[in-house]
């Protein structure tokens, strides 16, 4: 597992150094977006809506847009300074019974592993929480955001369970809640008895992801039957498409420039030829005038 956070569990002046690992992973389908006509993979680029240019990663930041359209660009340093919790500390604010935490508040779980020097206090905290049947209410800064959470024990390991802030949980104000529903107690008891007869221990390993299994079977069948698309164009390396587009743009600009220069040269030559023709015409007229003005028999 990859470490996602390092810090300490703090209670007053007491601190336990720990490392956090994500306790869950999102099952990926392995599906990608493609062009249905040729199987070519689709690529997305971050393009600035102001100048139309693709923005490199080092120039991408965060900002806030007001209702009037003004944008406040915020630096990473400014955002990091906003966290109310110490960036490397899980601060314990009290202890409650686990069942008092509304499951709707549950967000993500992280395993906490102690540093070698902190094994004893780590195990002590685990056993104390288990004996008291309590969870610790904590605050921690994760990804520059102050987060509410609880510390609980699972299989002799401390688990940081992050929680949604209460104001993030939506209410379920459905219309039927304001209506009177006529139920007889005998119906309720009969339904409760059915539930009791079907009750048992929760065994999550009995359940499988039917969609993932069906998708894998479908893909395998298509591969075995050679029912696949083979894109004829090799995958472009990063930047090649942009380079070609830039070269085409410059080539077009050069062509346009050359054509404009050629037109200007042709116009200049035509104008020069016209000027020479007019000058020759004037000389011819002068010569004719002199010939008419000369006395007859002068030769």
C-alpha atoms as a PDB file:
ATOM      1  CA  UNK A   1       0.000   0.000   0.000  1.00  0.00           C
ATOM      2  CA  UNK A   2       1.122   3.546  -0.692  1.00  0.00           C
ATOM      3  CA  UNK A   3       1.402   6.054   2.144  1.00  0.00           C
ATOM      4  CA  UNK A   4      -1.053   8.910   1.618  1.00  0.00           C
ATOM      5  CA  UNK A   5      -0.305  10.908   4.778  1.00  0.00           C
ATOM      6  CA  UNK A   6       2.236  11.070   7.599  1.00  0.00           C
ATOM      7  CA  UNK A   7       1.802  12.812  10.930  1.00  0.00           C
ATOM      8  CA  UNK A   8       0.882  12.304  14.569  1.00  0.00           C
ATOM      9  CA  UNK A   9      -2.165  11.478  16.654  1.00  0.00           C
ATOM     10  CA  UNK A  10      -2.269  14.237  19.245  1.00  0.00           C
ATOM     11  CA  UNK A  11      -4.051  14.470  22.594  1.00  0.00           C
ATOM     12  CA  UNK A  12      -2.779  17.413  24.596  1.00  0.00           C
ATOM     13  CA  UNK A  13       1.018  17.144  24.709  1.00  0.00           C
ATOM     14  CA  UNK A  14       0.869  13.417  23.869  1.00  0.00           C
ATOM     15  CA  UNK A  15       1.687  12.437  20.256  1.00  0.00           C
ATOM     16  CA  UNK A  16       1.838   9.123  18.376  1.00  0.00           C
ATOM     17  CA  UNK A  17       3.615   9.248  14.972  1.00  0.00           C
ATOM     18  CA  UNK A  18       1.676   7.316  12.316  1.00  0.00           C
ATOM     19  CA  UNK A  19       1.369   6.763   8.574  1.00  0.00           C
ATOM     20  CA  UNK A  20      -1.995   6.588   6.784  1.00  0.00           C
ATOM     21  CA  UNK A  21      -2.978   4.230   3.965  1.00  0.00           C
ATOM     22  CA  UNK A  22      -6.228   4.182   2.021  1.00  0.00           C
ATOM     23  CA  UNK A  23      -8.306   1.289   3.378  1.00  0.00           C
ATOM     24  CA  UNK A  24     -10.447   0.947   0.252  1.00  0.00           C
ATOM     25  CA  UNK A  25     -10.018   1.118  -3.508  1.00  0.00           C
ATOM     26  CA  UNK A  26     -12.513   1.940  -6.203  1.00  0.00           C
ATOM     27  CA  UNK A  27     -12.963  -1.045  -8.532  1.00  0.00           C
ATOM     28  CA  UNK A  28     -12.167   0.122 -12.038  1.00  0.00           C
ATOM     29  CA  UNK A  29     -14.062  -1.272 -15.012  1.00  0.00           C
ATOM     30  CA  UNK A  30     -11.051  -0.951 -17.307  1.00  0.00           C
ATOM     31  CA  UNK A  31     -13.254   0.716 -19.915  1.00  0.00           C
ATOM     32  CA  UNK A  32     -11.933   3.663 -21.910  1.00  0.00           C
ATOM     33  CA  UNK A  33     -13.661   6.159 -24.195  1.00  0.00           C
ATOM     34  CA  UNK A  34     -13.116   5.461 -27.898  1.00  0.00           C
ATOM     35  CA  UNK A  35     -14.228   6.618 -31.335  1.00  0.00           C
ATOM     36  CA  UNK A  36     -16.880   4.048 -32.252  1.00  0.00           C
ATOM     37  CA  UNK A  37     -16.062   4.090 -35.971  1.00  0.00           C
ATOM     38  CA  UNK A  38     -12.391   3.069 -35.693  1.00  0.00           C
ATOM     39  CA  UNK A  39     -11.652   2.273 -32.027  1.00  0.00           C
ATOM     40  CA  UNK A  40      -9.291   5.227 -31.646  1.00  0.00           C
ATOM     41  CA  UNK A  41      -8.865   6.332 -28.049  1.00  0.00           C
ATOM     42  CA  UNK A  42     -10.177   9.772 -27.119  1.00  0.00           C
ATOM     43  CA  UNK A  43      -7.861  12.268 -25.443  1.00  0.00           C
ATOM     44  CA  UNK A  44      -8.855  15.329 -23.485  1.00  0.00           C
ATOM     45  CA  UNK A  45      -6.789  18.461 -23.166  1.00  0.00           C
ATOM     46  CA  UNK A  46      -7.103  21.441 -20.829  1.00  0.00           C
ATOM     47  CA  UNK A  47      -7.707  24.438 -23.070  1.00  0.00           C
ATOM     48  CA  UNK A  48      -7.971  28.048 -21.891  1.00  0.00           C
ATOM     49  CA  UNK A  49     -11.297  29.558 -22.955  1.00  0.00           C
ATOM     50  CA  UNK A  50      -9.671  33.015 -23.269  1.00  0.00           C
ATOM     51  CA  UNK A  51      -6.854  32.369 -25.766  1.00  0.00           C
ATOM     52  CA  UNK A  52      -7.716  28.836 -26.896  1.00  0.00           C
ATOM     53  CA  UNK A  53      -4.252  27.525 -25.982  1.00  0.00           C
ATOM     54  CA  UNK A  54      -3.603  24.208 -24.261  1.00  0.00           C
ATOM     55  CA  UNK A  55      -2.409  24.897 -20.707  1.00  0.00           C
ATOM     56  CA  UNK A  56       0.598  22.976 -19.302  1.00  0.00           C
ATOM     57  CA  UNK A  57       0.307  21.442 -15.833  1.00  0.00           C
ATOM     58  CA  UNK A  58       2.647  23.990 -14.237  1.00  0.00           C
ATOM     59  CA  UNK A  59       0.318  26.825 -15.291  1.00  0.00           C
ATOM     60  CA  UNK A  60      -2.881  25.268 -13.908  1.00  0.00           C
ATOM     61  CA  UNK A  61      -4.090  26.723 -10.614  1.00  0.00           C
ATOM     62  CA  UNK A  62      -7.278  27.303  -8.668  1.00  0.00           C
ATOM     63  CA  UNK A  63      -9.523  30.315  -8.512  1.00  0.00           C
ATOM     64  CA  UNK A  64     -12.951  31.566  -7.490  1.00  0.00           C
ATOM     65  CA  UNK A  65     -15.358  33.141  -9.966  1.00  0.00           C
ATOM     66  CA  UNK A  66     -17.771  35.752  -8.635  1.00  0.00           C
ATOM     67  CA  UNK A  67     -21.357  36.167  -9.794  1.00  0.00           C
ATOM     68  CA  UNK A  68     -20.189  39.117 -11.889  1.00  0.00           C
ATOM     69  CA  UNK A  69     -17.598  37.026 -13.697  1.00  0.00           C
ATOM     70  CA  UNK A  70     -14.491  38.295 -11.891  1.00  0.00           C
ATOM     71  CA  UNK A  71     -11.942  35.574 -11.099  1.00  0.00           C
ATOM     72  CA  UNK A  72      -9.783  35.531  -7.968  1.00  0.00           C
ATOM     73  CA  UNK A  73      -6.688  33.412  -8.680  1.00  0.00           C
ATOM     74  CA  UNK A  74      -5.468  31.744  -5.468  1.00  0.00           C
ATOM     75  CA  UNK A  75      -1.956  30.401  -4.898  1.00  0.00           C
ATOM     76  CA  UNK A  76      -1.178  27.033  -3.324  1.00  0.00           C
ATOM     77  CA  UNK A  77       0.413  28.864  -0.390  1.00  0.00           C
ATOM     78  CA  UNK A  78      -2.767  30.866   0.251  1.00  0.00           C
ATOM     79  CA  UNK A  79      -4.922  27.743   0.136  1.00  0.00           C
ATOM     80  CA  UNK A  80      -2.552  25.816   2.424  1.00  0.00           C
ATOM     81  CA  UNK A  81      -2.732  28.602   5.015  1.00  0.00           C
ATOM     82  CA  UNK A  82      -6.529  28.271   5.303  1.00  0.00           C
ATOM     83  CA  UNK A  83      -6.556  24.886   7.038  1.00  0.00           C
ATOM     84  CA  UNK A  84      -7.644  25.227  10.647  1.00  0.00           C
ATOM     85  CA  UNK A  85      -6.018  21.923  11.638  1.00  0.00           C
ATOM     86  CA  UNK A  86      -2.288  21.333  11.806  1.00  0.00           C
ATOM     87  CA  UNK A  87      -1.219  19.813   8.494  1.00  0.00           C
ATOM     88  CA  UNK A  88       0.583  16.884  10.142  1.00  0.00           C
ATOM     89  CA  UNK A  89      -1.593  16.187  13.159  1.00  0.00           C
ATOM     90  CA  UNK A  90      -4.766  14.251  13.971  1.00  0.00           C
ATOM     91  CA  UNK A  91      -6.106  16.238  16.909  1.00  0.00           C
ATOM     92  CA  UNK A  92      -8.434  14.364  19.301  1.00  0.00           C
ATOM     93  CA  UNK A  93     -11.336  16.531  20.500  1.00  0.00           C
ATOM     94  CA  UNK A  94     -13.235  13.979  22.586  1.00  0.00           C
ATOM     95  CA  UNK A  95     -14.730  10.490  22.726  1.00  0.00           C
ATOM     96  CA  UNK A  96     -18.241   9.215  21.900  1.00  0.00           C
ATOM     97  CA  UNK A  97     -19.998   5.921  21.289  1.00  0.00           C
ATOM     98  CA  UNK A  98     -19.668   4.761  17.702  1.00  0.00           C
ATOM     99  CA  UNK A  99     -23.406   4.263  17.255  1.00  0.00           C
ATOM    100  CA  UNK A 100     -23.913   7.983  17.906  1.00  0.00           C
ATOM    101  CA  UNK A 101     -22.252   8.770  14.554  1.00  0.00           C
ATOM    102  CA  UNK A 102     -24.860   8.946  11.780  1.00  0.00           C
ATOM    103  CA  UNK A 103     -23.746   6.578   8.965  1.00  0.00           C
ATOM    104  CA  UNK A 104     -24.710   9.289   6.463  1.00  0.00           C
ATOM    105  CA  UNK A 105     -21.683  11.229   7.694  1.00  0.00           C
ATOM    106  CA  UNK A 106     -19.205   8.443   6.860  1.00  0.00           C
ATOM    107  CA  UNK A 107     -16.831   9.313   4.010  1.00  0.00           C
ATOM    108  CA  UNK A 108     -13.502   7.473   3.550  1.00  0.00           C
ATOM    109  CA  UNK A 109     -11.426   5.091   5.691  1.00  0.00           C
ATOM    110  CA  UNK A 110      -7.655   5.039   6.261  1.00  0.00           C
ATOM    111  CA  UNK A 111      -5.520   2.490   8.101  1.00  0.00           C
ATOM    112  CA  UNK A 112      -3.056   4.064  10.538  1.00  0.00           C
ATOM    113  CA  UNK A 113       0.290   2.339  11.033  1.00  0.00           C
ATOM    114  CA  UNK A 114       2.554   3.409  13.921  1.00  0.00           C
ATOM    115  CA  UNK A 115       6.188   4.310  13.462  1.00  0.00           C
ATOM    116  CA  UNK A 116       8.455   1.679  15.053  1.00  0.00           C
ATOM    117  CA  UNK A 117       9.195   3.932  18.015  1.00  0.00           C
ATOM    118  CA  UNK A 118       5.465   4.376  18.745  1.00  0.00           C
ATOM    119  CA  UNK A 119       4.238   0.766  18.840  1.00  0.00           C
ATOM    120  CA  UNK A 120       3.530   0.745  22.577  1.00  0.00           C
ATOM    121  CA  UNK A 121       1.492   3.989  22.831  1.00  0.00           C
ATOM    122  CA  UNK A 122      -0.344   3.025  19.621  1.00  0.00           C
ATOM    123  CA  UNK A 123      -1.396  -0.365  21.045  1.00  0.00           C
ATOM    124  CA  UNK A 124      -2.277   1.324  24.345  1.00  0.00           C
ATOM    125  CA  UNK A 125      -4.672   3.715  22.575  1.00  0.00           C
ATOM    126  CA  UNK A 126      -6.230   0.805  20.647  1.00  0.00           C
ATOM    127  CA  UNK A 127      -6.862  -1.227  23.798  1.00  0.00           C
ATOM    128  CA  UNK A 128      -8.191   1.791  25.703  1.00  0.00           C
ATOM    129  CA  UNK A 129     -10.702   2.593  22.944  1.00  0.00           C
ATOM    130  CA  UNK A 130     -11.759  -1.052  22.766  1.00  0.00           C
ATOM    131  CA  UNK A 131     -12.202  -1.361  26.543  1.00  0.00           C
ATOM    132  CA  UNK A 132     -14.125   1.924  26.801  1.00  0.00           C
ATOM    133  CA  UNK A 133     -16.218   1.063  23.711  1.00  0.00           C
ATOM    134  CA  UNK A 134     -15.666   4.547  22.328  1.00  0.00           C
ATOM    135  CA  UNK A 135     -14.382   6.252  19.193  1.00  0.00           C
ATOM    136  CA  UNK A 136     -12.261   9.401  19.205  1.00  0.00           C
ATOM    137  CA  UNK A 137     -13.641  12.512  17.482  1.00  0.00           C
ATOM    138  CA  UNK A 138     -10.803  14.180  15.564  1.00  0.00           C
ATOM    139  CA  UNK A 139      -9.895  16.905  13.103  1.00  0.00           C
ATOM    140  CA  UNK A 140      -7.199  16.436  10.472  1.00  0.00           C
ATOM    141  CA  UNK A 141      -5.951  18.327   7.411  1.00  0.00           C
ATOM    142  CA  UNK A 142      -6.091  16.146   4.290  1.00  0.00           C
ATOM    143  CA  UNK A 143      -5.341  17.567   0.828  1.00  0.00           C
ATOM    144  CA  UNK A 144      -5.297  21.115   2.229  1.00  0.00           C
ATOM    145  CA  UNK A 145      -8.803  20.766   3.674  1.00  0.00           C
ATOM    146  CA  UNK A 146      -9.685  20.515   7.349  1.00  0.00           C
ATOM    147  CA  UNK A 147     -11.672  17.317   7.775  1.00  0.00           C
ATOM    148  CA  UNK A 148     -13.821  15.944  10.579  1.00  0.00           C
ATOM    149  CA  UNK A 149     -13.344  12.296  11.486  1.00  0.00           C
ATOM    150  CA  UNK A 150     -13.264   9.561  14.101  1.00  0.00           C
ATOM    151  CA  UNK A 151     -10.616   7.071  15.205  1.00  0.00           C
ATOM    152  CA  UNK A 152     -11.923   3.558  15.744  1.00  0.00           C
ATOM    153  CA  UNK A 153     -10.389   0.123  16.186  1.00  0.00           C
ATOM    154  CA  UNK A 154     -10.736  -2.565  13.500  1.00  0.00           C
ATOM    155  CA  UNK A 155      -8.845  -5.860  13.867  1.00  0.00           C
ATOM    156  CA  UNK A 156      -6.288  -4.370  16.265  1.00  0.00           C
ATOM    157  CA  UNK A 157      -5.585  -1.474  13.899  1.00  0.00           C
ATOM    158  CA  UNK A 158      -6.582   2.162  14.291  1.00  0.00           C
ATOM    159  CA  UNK A 159      -8.780   3.371  11.448  1.00  0.00           C
ATOM    160  CA  UNK A 160      -9.284   7.031  10.605  1.00  0.00           C
ATOM    161  CA  UNK A 161     -12.856   7.353   9.367  1.00  0.00           C
ATOM    162  CA  UNK A 162     -13.331  10.749   7.741  1.00  0.00           C
ATOM    163  CA  UNK A 163     -16.769  12.320   8.038  1.00  0.00           C
ATOM    164  CA  UNK A 164     -18.776  14.736   5.949  1.00  0.00           C
ATOM    165  CA  UNK A 165     -19.495  18.027   7.642  1.00  0.00           C
ATOM    166  CA  UNK A 166     -23.128  17.980   8.891  1.00  0.00           C
ATOM    167  CA  UNK A 167     -24.122  20.839   6.577  1.00  0.00           C
ATOM    168  CA  UNK A 168     -23.037  18.714   3.588  1.00  0.00           C
ATOM    169  CA  UNK A 169     -25.733  16.098   4.277  1.00  0.00           C
ATOM    170  CA  UNK A 170     -28.961  16.809   2.415  1.00  0.00           C
ATOM    171  CA  UNK A 171     -32.364  16.458   3.977  1.00  0.00           C
ATOM    172  CA  UNK A 172     -34.964  14.025   2.563  1.00  0.00           C
ATOM    173  CA  UNK A 173     -38.056  16.230   2.576  1.00  0.00           C
ATOM    174  CA  UNK A 174     -40.242  14.048   0.342  1.00  0.00           C
ATOM    175  CA  UNK A 175     -43.954  14.891  -0.126  1.00  0.00           C
ATOM    176  CA  UNK A 176     -45.180  11.549   1.264  1.00  0.00           C
ATOM    177  CA  UNK A 177     -43.671  12.424   4.651  1.00  0.00           C
ATOM    178  CA  UNK A 178     -46.405  15.030   5.054  1.00  0.00           C
ATOM    179  CA  UNK A 179     -49.211  12.608   4.208  1.00  0.00           C
ATOM    180  CA  UNK A 180     -51.147  10.268   6.504  1.00  0.00           C
ATOM    181  CA  UNK A 181     -50.555   6.621   5.549  1.00  0.00           C
ATOM    182  CA  UNK A 182     -53.150   4.207   6.896  1.00  0.00           C
ATOM    183  CA  UNK A 183     -51.416   1.041   8.223  1.00  0.00           C
ATOM    184  CA  UNK A 184     -52.844  -1.627  10.474  1.00  0.00           C
ATOM    185  CA  UNK A 185     -50.598  -2.900  13.275  1.00  0.00           C
ATOM    186  CA  UNK A 186     -51.191  -6.492  12.118  1.00  0.00           C
ATOM    187  CA  UNK A 187     -49.570  -5.632   8.788  1.00  0.00           C
ATOM    188  CA  UNK A 188     -46.562  -4.097  10.503  1.00  0.00           C
ATOM    189  CA  UNK A 189     -46.130  -7.145  12.763  1.00  0.00           C
ATOM    190  CA  UNK A 190     -46.395  -9.539   9.805  1.00  0.00           C
ATOM    191  CA  UNK A 191     -43.695  -7.610   7.912  1.00  0.00           C
ATOM    192  CA  UNK A 192     -41.495  -7.534  11.031  1.00  0.00           C
ATOM    193  CA  UNK A 193     -41.839 -11.310  11.417  1.00  0.00           C
ATOM    194  CA  UNK A 194     -40.762 -11.842   7.816  1.00  0.00           C
ATOM    195  CA  UNK A 195     -37.712  -9.652   8.409  1.00  0.00           C
ATOM    196  CA  UNK A 196     -36.871 -11.602  11.564  1.00  0.00           C
ATOM    197  CA  UNK A 197     -37.083 -14.922   9.703  1.00  0.00           C
ATOM    198  CA  UNK A 198     -34.699 -13.642   7.015  1.00  0.00           C
ATOM    199  CA  UNK A 199     -32.231 -12.081   9.450  1.00  0.00           C
ATOM    200  CA  UNK A 200     -28.694 -13.325  10.025  1.00  0.00           C
ATOM    201  CA  UNK A 201     -25.093 -12.195  10.295  1.00  0.00           C
ATOM    202  CA  UNK A 202     -23.737  -9.917   7.610  1.00  0.00           C
ATOM    203  CA  UNK A 203     -21.232 -11.868   5.505  1.00  0.00           C
ATOM    204  CA  UNK A 204     -19.952  -9.471   2.818  1.00  0.00           C
ATOM    205  CA  UNK A 205     -17.837 -12.158   1.110  1.00  0.00           C
ATOM    206  CA  UNK A 206     -21.026 -13.926   0.059  1.00  0.00           C
ATOM    207  CA  UNK A 207     -21.753 -11.061  -2.311  1.00  0.00           C
ATOM    208  CA  UNK A 208     -19.945 -10.510  -5.601  1.00  0.00           C
ATOM    209  CA  UNK A 209     -19.801  -7.692  -8.120  1.00  0.00           C
ATOM    210  CA  UNK A 210     -22.043  -9.129 -10.817  1.00  0.00           C
ATOM    211  CA  UNK A 211     -21.436  -6.266 -13.241  1.00  0.00           C
ATOM    212  CA  UNK A 212     -17.633  -6.658 -13.185  1.00  0.00           C
ATOM    213  CA  UNK A 213     -17.915 -10.421 -13.686  1.00  0.00           C
ATOM    214  CA  UNK A 214     -20.335 -10.027 -16.602  1.00  0.00           C
ATOM    215  CA  UNK A 215     -18.163  -7.328 -18.197  1.00  0.00           C
ATOM    216  CA  UNK A 216     -15.037  -9.504 -17.956  1.00  0.00           C
ATOM    217  CA  UNK A 217     -16.881 -12.439 -19.528  1.00  0.00           C
ATOM    218  CA  UNK A 218     -18.153 -10.229 -22.364  1.00  0.00           C
ATOM    219  CA  UNK A 219     -14.695  -8.812 -23.127  1.00  0.00           C
ATOM    220  CA  UNK A 220     -13.060 -12.265 -23.026  1.00  0.00           C
ATOM    221  CA  UNK A 221     -15.663 -13.643 -25.432  1.00  0.00           C
ATOM    222  CA  UNK A 222     -15.088 -10.768 -27.861  1.00  0.00           C
ATOM    223  CA  UNK A 223     -11.303 -11.221 -27.687  1.00  0.00           C
ATOM    224  CA  UNK A 224     -11.513 -14.967 -28.282  1.00  0.00           C
ATOM    225  CA  UNK A 225     -13.750 -14.384 -31.278  1.00  0.00           C
ATOM    226  CA  UNK A 226     -11.416 -11.694 -32.654  1.00  0.00           C
ATOM    227  CA  UNK A 227     -14.378  -9.317 -32.597  1.00  0.00           C
ATOM    228  CA  UNK A 228     -12.189  -6.291 -31.967  1.00  0.00           C
ATOM    229  CA  UNK A 229     -11.277  -2.955 -33.509  1.00  0.00           C
ATOM    230  CA  UNK A 230      -7.670  -2.356 -34.514  1.00  0.00           C
ATOM    231  CA  UNK A 231      -6.953   1.347 -34.948  1.00  0.00           C
ATOM    232  CA  UNK A 232      -4.852   1.777 -38.120  1.00  0.00           C
ATOM    233  CA  UNK A 233      -3.038   4.856 -36.860  1.00  0.00           C
ATOM    234  CA  UNK A 234      -0.375   4.307 -34.180  1.00  0.00           C
ATOM    235  CA  UNK A 235      -0.866   6.114 -30.910  1.00  0.00           C
ATOM    236  CA  UNK A 236       0.551   9.616 -31.127  1.00  0.00           C
ATOM    237  CA  UNK A 237       3.225  10.499 -28.622  1.00  0.00           C
ATOM    238  CA  UNK A 238       2.510  13.408 -26.314  1.00  0.00           C
ATOM    239  CA  UNK A 239       2.906  16.693 -28.136  1.00  0.00           C
ATOM    240  CA  UNK A 240       3.091  15.304 -31.694  1.00  0.00           C
ATOM    241  CA  UNK A 241      -0.435  16.371 -32.593  1.00  0.00           C
ATOM    242  CA  UNK A 242       0.213  19.869 -31.298  1.00  0.00           C
ATOM    243  CA  UNK A 243       3.543  20.050 -33.152  1.00  0.00           C
ATOM    244  CA  UNK A 244       1.962  19.034 -36.448  1.00  0.00           C
ATOM    245  CA  UNK A 245      -0.816  21.566 -35.979  1.00  0.00           C
ATOM    246  CA  UNK A 246       1.736  24.290 -35.253  1.00  0.00           C
ATOM    247  CA  UNK A 247       3.824  23.358 -38.293  1.00  0.00           C
ATOM    248  CA  UNK A 248       0.733  23.399 -40.503  1.00  0.00           C
ATOM    249  CA  UNK A 249      -0.227  26.793 -39.112  1.00  0.00           C
ATOM    250  CA  UNK A 250       3.245  28.214 -39.771  1.00  0.00           C
ATOM    251  CA  UNK A 251       3.309  26.650 -43.229  1.00  0.00           C
ATOM    252  CA  UNK A 252      -0.054  28.212 -44.038  1.00  0.00           C
ATOM    253  CA  UNK A 253       1.132  31.568 -42.718  1.00  0.00           C
ATOM    254  CA  UNK A 254       4.268  31.293 -44.855  1.00  0.00           C
ATOM    255  CA  UNK A 255       2.210  30.334 -47.896  1.00  0.00           C
ATOM    256  CA  UNK A 256      -0.108  33.275 -47.320  1.00  0.00           C
ATOM    257  CA  UNK A 257       2.904  35.575 -46.878  1.00  0.00           C
ATOM    258  CA  UNK A 258       4.580  34.252 -50.038  1.00  0.00           C
ATOM    259  CA  UNK A 259       1.371  34.633 -52.008  1.00  0.00           C
ATOM    260  CA  UNK A 260       0.914  38.184 -50.756  1.00  0.00           C
ATOM    261  CA  UNK A 261       4.525  39.024 -51.622  1.00  0.00           C
ATOM    262  CA  UNK A 262       4.092  37.520 -55.085  1.00  0.00           C
ATOM    263  CA  UNK A 263       0.938  39.559 -55.648  1.00  0.00           C
ATOM    264  CA  UNK A 264       2.708  42.710 -54.508  1.00  0.00           C
ATOM    265  CA  UNK A 265       5.670  41.958 -56.832  1.00  0.00           C
ATOM    266  CA  UNK A 266       3.354  41.370 -59.774  1.00  0.00           C
ATOM    267  CA  UNK A 267       1.494  44.598 -59.068  1.00  0.00           C
ATOM    268  CA  UNK A 268       4.774  46.500 -58.786  1.00  0.00           C
ATOM    269  CA  UNK A 269       6.013  45.061 -62.057  1.00  0.00           C
ATOM    270  CA  UNK A 270       2.730  45.866 -63.774  1.00  0.00           C
ATOM    271  CA  UNK A 271       2.813  49.398 -62.415  1.00  0.00           C
ATOM    272  CA  UNK A 272       6.452  49.774 -63.569  1.00  0.00           C
ATOM    273  CA  UNK A 273       5.594  48.450 -67.032  1.00  0.00           C
ATOM    274  CA  UNK A 274       2.646  50.807 -67.251  1.00  0.00           C
ATOM    275  CA  UNK A 275       4.892  53.681 -66.229  1.00  0.00           C
ATOM    276  CA  UNK A 276       7.472  52.761 -68.851  1.00  0.00           C
ATOM    277  CA  UNK A 277       4.734  52.510 -71.482  1.00  0.00           C
ATOM    278  CA  UNK A 278       3.423  55.959 -70.599  1.00  0.00           C
ATOM    279  CA  UNK A 279       6.955  57.384 -70.695  1.00  0.00           C
ATOM    280  CA  UNK A 280       7.555  55.813 -74.111  1.00  0.00           C
ATOM    281  CA  UNK A 281       4.240  57.212 -75.304  1.00  0.00           C
ATOM    282  CA  UNK A 282       5.205  60.696 -74.135  1.00  0.00           C
ATOM    283  CA  UNK A 283       8.581  60.440 -75.906  1.00  0.00           C
ATOM    284  CA  UNK A 284       6.851  59.329 -79.093  1.00  0.00           C
ATOM    285  CA  UNK A 285       4.457  62.269 -78.923  1.00  0.00           C
ATOM    286  CA  UNK A 286       7.330  64.709 -78.411  1.00  0.00           C
ATOM    287  CA  UNK A 287       9.199  63.227 -81.345  1.00  0.00           C
ATOM    288  CA  UNK A 288       6.110  63.514 -83.536  1.00  0.00           C
ATOM    289  CA  UNK A 289       5.589  67.125 -82.480  1.00  0.00           C
ATOM    290  CA  UNK A 290       9.195  68.004 -83.317  1.00  0.00           C
ATOM    291  CA  UNK A 291       8.856  66.326 -86.696  1.00  0.00           C
ATOM    292  CA  UNK A 292       5.760  68.361 -87.535  1.00  0.00           C
ATOM    293  CA  UNK A 293       7.368  71.590 -86.348  1.00  0.00           C
ATOM    294  CA  UNK A 294      10.566  71.126 -88.423  1.00  0.00           C
ATOM    295  CA  UNK A 295      10.719  73.271 -91.750  1.00  0.00           C
ATOM    296  CA  UNK A 296      10.010  71.350 -94.884  1.00  0.00           C
ATOM    297  CA  UNK A 297      12.961  70.703 -97.151  1.00  0.00           C
ATOM    298  CA  UNK A 298      15.440  70.962 -94.310  1.00  0.00           C
ATOM    299  CA  UNK A 299      16.916  67.584 -95.238  1.00  0.00           C
END
